[in-house]
Amino acid sequence: QVQLVESGGGLVQPGGSLRLSCAASGTIFSINAMGWYRQTPGKQRELVAEMPSVGSTNYADSVKGRFTISRDNAKNTVYLQMNSLKPEDTAVYYCNAANNLKDYWGKGTLVTVSS
């Protein structure tokens, strides 16, 4: 099993920045990829950014050039640096970890972009 705990969400003004963190614990050696998804009411959860163990990172078109995903293996933590935030980035952001058997999810952290 893999446990994921997100932190770093909050209220920010348009144009501002936030950094989300996701600490992983458990059988993390089995993880093939980690990433961030987001969801707003009435919509499906969508990919924001993902970082596979092998290969290049992948970003949603809507966040390219503004968001950066990174990983600190020593701390078993993945980050999402979000810059130039827009009101449409408002959502609950979920950390995801995947192995060959299943996907694991955190409980989510709310990001609100509003003036």
Protein backbone atom coordinates (compact mmCIF):
# COMPACT_ATOMS: atom_id res chain seq x y z
CA GLN A 1 0.00 0.00 0.00
CA VAL A 2 0.99 3.58 -0.65
CA GLN A 3 -0.17 6.55 1.41
CA LEU A 4 -0.16 10.07 0.00
CA VAL A 5 -0.60 13.30 1.94
CA GLU A 6 -0.95 16.61 0.12
CA SER A 7 -0.29 20.06 1.52
CA GLY A 8 0.19 23.62 0.33
CA GLY A 9 -3.22 24.57 -0.99
CA GLY A 10 -4.95 27.82 -0.12
CA LEU A 11 -6.26 31.13 -1.39
CA VAL A 12 -4.12 33.12 -3.79
CA GLN A 13 -4.74 36.13 -6.00
CA PRO A 14 -4.62 35.85 -9.78
CA GLY A 15 -1.04 36.00 -10.97
CA GLY A 16 0.25 34.58 -7.72
CA SER A 17 2.09 31.36 -6.92
CA LEU A 18 1.66 28.31 -4.74
CA ARG A 19 3.66 25.16 -4.22
CA LEU A 20 1.88 21.92 -3.47
CA SER A 21 3.64 19.03 -1.78
CA CYS A 22 2.79 15.34 -1.67
CA ALA A 23 4.55 13.08 0.80
CA ALA A 24 4.48 9.39 -0.03
CA SER A 25 4.93 6.50 2.38
CA GLY A 26 4.46 2.75 2.33
CA THR A 27 5.58 0.51 -0.53
CA ILE A 28 6.95 3.41 -2.53
CA PHE A 29 9.56 1.25 -4.24
CA SER A 30 6.76 -0.12 -6.41
CA ILE A 31 5.70 3.26 -7.77
CA ASN A 32 6.13 3.76 -11.52
CA ALA A 33 4.86 7.31 -11.76
CA MET A 34 3.61 10.17 -9.64
CA GLY A 35 1.53 13.10 -10.65
CA TRP A 36 -1.04 15.73 -9.89
CA TYR A 37 -4.67 15.85 -10.97
CA ARG A 38 -7.39 18.38 -10.28
CA GLN A 39 -11.15 18.38 -10.12
CA THR A 40 -13.89 21.00 -9.99
CA PRO A 41 -17.54 20.34 -9.11
CA GLY A 42 -19.43 18.62 -11.89
CA LYS A 43 -16.32 17.83 -13.89
CA GLN A 44 -14.11 14.80 -14.26
CA ARG A 45 -10.75 14.67 -12.59
CA GLU A 46 -8.11 15.80 -15.05
CA LEU A 47 -4.38 15.35 -15.34
CA VAL A 48 -2.30 18.39 -14.47
CA ALA A 49 1.22 16.97 -14.55
CA GLU A 50 2.85 13.58 -14.27
CA MET A 51 6.39 12.36 -13.74
CA PRO A 52 7.10 8.74 -14.64
CA SER A 53 10.09 6.91 -13.18
CA VAL A 54 11.36 6.52 -16.74
CA GLY A 55 10.68 9.05 -19.44
CA SER A 56 9.76 12.70 -19.61
CA THR A 57 7.24 14.66 -17.63
CA ASN A 58 3.86 15.44 -19.10
CA TYR A 59 1.71 18.54 -18.59
CA ALA A 60 -1.81 19.52 -19.47
CA ASP A 61 -1.81 22.14 -22.20
CA SER A 62 -3.58 24.58 -19.90
CA VAL A 63 -0.68 24.64 -17.42
CA LYS A 64 2.37 24.34 -19.70
CA GLY A 65 4.86 27.09 -19.00
CA ARG A 66 3.22 27.94 -15.67
CA PHE A 67 3.37 24.76 -13.57
CA THR A 68 6.38 22.59 -12.81
CA ILE A 69 6.37 19.13 -11.29
CA SER A 70 9.43 17.92 -9.41
CA ARG A 71 10.41 15.08 -7.13
CA ASP A 72 12.71 14.74 -4.13
CA ASN A 73 13.48 11.04 -3.87
CA ALA A 74 15.31 11.45 -0.57
CA LYS A 75 12.13 12.87 0.99
CA ASN A 76 9.72 10.68 -1.00
CA THR A 77 7.94 13.87 -1.94
CA VAL A 78 6.62 15.26 -5.21
CA TYR A 79 5.94 18.95 -5.69
CA LEU A 80 3.86 21.09 -7.99
CA GLN A 81 5.07 24.64 -8.37
CA MET A 82 2.23 26.75 -9.73
CA ASN A 83 2.99 30.21 -11.08
CA SER A 84 0.88 32.83 -12.85
CA LEU A 85 -2.23 31.31 -11.37
CA LYS A 86 -5.58 32.00 -12.99
CA PRO A 87 -9.12 31.79 -11.59
CA GLU A 88 -9.70 28.76 -13.81
CA ASP A 89 -6.96 26.92 -11.89
CA THR A 90 -9.30 26.85 -8.88
CA ALA A 91 -9.88 23.20 -8.01
CA VAL A 92 -9.14 20.43 -5.57
CA TYR A 93 -5.71 19.09 -6.43
CA TYR A 94 -5.00 15.41 -5.89
CA CYS A 95 -1.68 13.63 -5.71
CA ASN A 96 -1.50 10.33 -7.58
CA ALA A 97 0.94 7.44 -7.45
CA ALA A 98 0.72 4.43 -9.72
CA ASN A 99 2.32 1.00 -9.80
CA ASN A 100 1.62 -2.01 -11.98
CA LEU A 101 -1.43 -2.95 -9.96
CA LYS A 102 -3.33 0.18 -9.06
CA ASP A 103 -3.55 3.92 -8.62
CA TYR A 104 -3.27 5.55 -5.21
CA TRP A 105 -4.77 8.94 -4.35
CA GLY A 106 -4.37 11.51 -1.64
CA LYS A 107 -7.37 13.23 -0.08
CA GLY A 108 -6.77 16.41 -2.03
CA THR A 109 -5.94 20.01 -1.24
CA LEU A 110 -8.07 22.97 -2.29
CA VAL A 111 -6.55 25.74 -4.39
CA THR A 112 -8.63 28.88 -4.80
CA VAL A 113 -7.51 31.64 -7.16
CA SER A 114 -9.54 34.76 -6.54
CA SER A 115 -9.16 38.45 -5.91
